[in-house]
Protein backbone atom coordinates (compact mmCIF):
# COMPACT_ATOMS: atom_id res chain seq x y z
CA MET A 1 -17.13 91.93 215.09
CA PRO A 2 -17.59 88.42 213.67
CA GLU A 3 -21.06 86.94 213.56
CA GLU A 4 -21.85 84.35 216.18
CA ARG A 5 -22.69 80.97 214.69
CA THR A 6 -25.78 79.23 215.89
CA ARG A 7 -25.75 75.85 217.53
CA ALA A 8 -27.58 74.35 214.51
CA GLU A 9 -24.84 75.57 212.15
CA ARG A 10 -22.09 74.08 214.30
CA LEU A 11 -24.02 70.82 214.64
CA THR A 12 -24.67 70.55 210.91
CA GLU A 13 -21.05 71.30 210.11
CA GLY A 14 -19.86 68.68 212.59
CA LEU A 15 -22.30 66.06 211.32
CA ILE A 16 -21.20 66.60 207.72
CA LEU A 17 -17.57 66.07 208.66
CA ILE A 18 -18.32 63.07 210.89
CA ILE A 19 -20.35 61.34 208.17
CA ALA A 20 -17.62 62.03 205.60
CA SER A 21 -14.98 60.67 207.99
CA VAL A 22 -16.95 57.47 208.58
CA LEU A 23 -17.48 56.95 204.84
CA SER A 24 -13.80 57.62 204.25
CA LEU A 25 -12.79 55.07 206.88
CA VAL A 26 -15.12 52.49 205.33
CA LEU A 27 -13.51 53.09 201.95
CA LEU A 28 -10.01 52.88 203.44
CA VAL A 29 -10.56 49.59 205.29
CA GLY A 30 -9.97 47.45 202.19
CA PRO A 31 -6.76 49.18 201.08
CA ALA A 32 -5.53 49.25 204.69
CA VAL A 33 -5.97 45.48 204.99
CA VAL A 34 -4.28 44.84 201.64
CA PHE A 35 -1.40 47.24 202.27
CA GLY A 36 -1.04 46.03 205.85
CA THR A 37 -0.87 42.39 204.81
CA THR A 38 1.62 43.18 202.08
CA ALA A 39 3.70 45.25 204.47
CA TRP A 40 3.67 42.43 207.03
CA HIS A 41 4.88 39.92 204.44
CA LEU A 42 7.61 42.30 203.25
CA VAL A 43 8.73 43.08 206.78
CA THR A 44 8.87 39.45 207.90
CA ASP A 45 10.55 38.25 204.70
CA ALA A 46 13.98 36.75 205.38
CA GLY A 47 15.69 38.72 202.60
CA ALA A 48 14.25 42.12 203.51
CA THR A 49 16.61 44.95 204.35
CA VAL A 50 16.27 47.14 207.41
CA PHE A 51 15.24 50.05 205.18
CA SER A 52 12.36 48.10 203.64
CA ARG A 53 11.27 46.84 207.04
CA LEU A 54 10.94 50.41 208.24
CA SER A 55 9.79 52.17 205.08
CA VAL A 56 6.91 49.89 204.07
CA PRO A 57 4.82 50.39 207.23
CA VAL A 58 5.58 54.12 207.29
CA ILE A 59 4.51 54.56 203.65
CA SER A 60 1.35 52.50 204.23
CA LEU A 61 0.38 54.58 207.26
CA ALA A 62 1.11 57.80 205.38
CA LEU A 63 -1.15 56.74 202.52
CA MET A 64 -3.97 55.99 204.94
CA ALA A 65 -3.56 59.28 206.85
CA LEU A 66 -3.15 61.51 203.79
CA PRO A 67 -6.89 62.04 203.09
CA PHE A 68 -7.53 63.19 206.66
CA VAL A 69 -4.57 65.58 206.72
CA LEU A 70 -5.53 67.17 203.41
CA ALA A 71 -9.20 67.43 204.40
CA ARG A 72 -8.22 69.20 207.61
CA THR A 73 -6.09 71.60 205.60
CA ALA A 74 -8.96 72.31 203.21
CA PHE A 75 -11.36 72.88 206.10
CA ARG A 76 -9.06 75.25 207.95
CA SER A 77 -8.31 77.14 204.75
CA GLY A 78 -12.02 77.61 204.12
CA ARG A 79 -12.58 78.82 207.68
CA ARG A 80 -9.70 81.33 207.49
CA LYS A 81 -11.06 82.90 204.32
CA GLY A 82 -14.19 83.85 206.23
CA LYS A 83 -16.56 81.61 204.29
CA GLU A 84 -19.85 80.46 205.73
CA PRO A 85 -19.39 77.42 207.99
CA LEU A 86 -21.14 74.95 205.71
CA THR A 87 -19.30 76.35 202.71
CA ALA A 88 -16.02 75.63 204.52
CA ALA A 89 -17.08 72.05 205.28
CA VAL A 90 -17.92 71.14 201.68
CA PRO A 91 -14.37 71.31 200.26
CA ALA A 92 -13.08 69.33 203.24
CA THR A 93 -15.74 66.67 202.73
CA LEU A 94 -15.07 66.41 199.01
CA THR A 95 -11.31 66.22 199.62
CA LEU A 96 -11.73 63.50 202.22
CA LEU A 97 -14.06 61.35 200.15
CA GLY A 98 -12.19 61.93 196.90
CA LEU A 99 -8.84 60.94 198.35
CA SER A 100 -10.38 57.88 200.01
CA VAL A 101 -11.83 56.63 196.75
CA VAL A 102 -8.42 56.60 195.04
CA PRO A 103 -6.82 53.79 197.15
CA PHE A 104 -10.12 51.88 197.14
CA ALA A 105 -10.30 52.04 193.34
CA ALA A 106 -6.64 51.01 193.07
CA VAL A 107 -7.22 47.91 195.20
CA CYS A 108 -10.34 47.05 193.16
CA LEU A 109 -8.35 47.33 189.93
CA ILE A 110 -5.58 45.17 191.36
CA PHE A 111 -8.09 42.45 192.28
CA VAL A 112 -9.84 42.64 188.91
CA TYR A 113 -6.71 42.42 186.80
CA ALA A 114 -4.69 40.12 189.08
CA GLY A 115 -7.38 37.45 189.23
């Protein structure tokens, strides 16, 4: 019979993931604005093909959603292996924040070297 988790454990686990999600969204705002603006210019360009008009927004959205999908996968994997609740939340948090830093760092490097 599995152990019943306390309310404090569930609350702590939820707070860890909520804080990581908010930090991830803050980190993804800059790249989302840059990629969104670029996608808008590519889509509204007179010489753009139908494929580029459809693929650019889809790729941009996929890049922004990827950290959340992979973090969910890491969290569920940790929960299935029977780890402690907080131990399952740590890999998900690290995955989420790590994958959010990559697009943010890329945009920072673009601004530094393009300017």
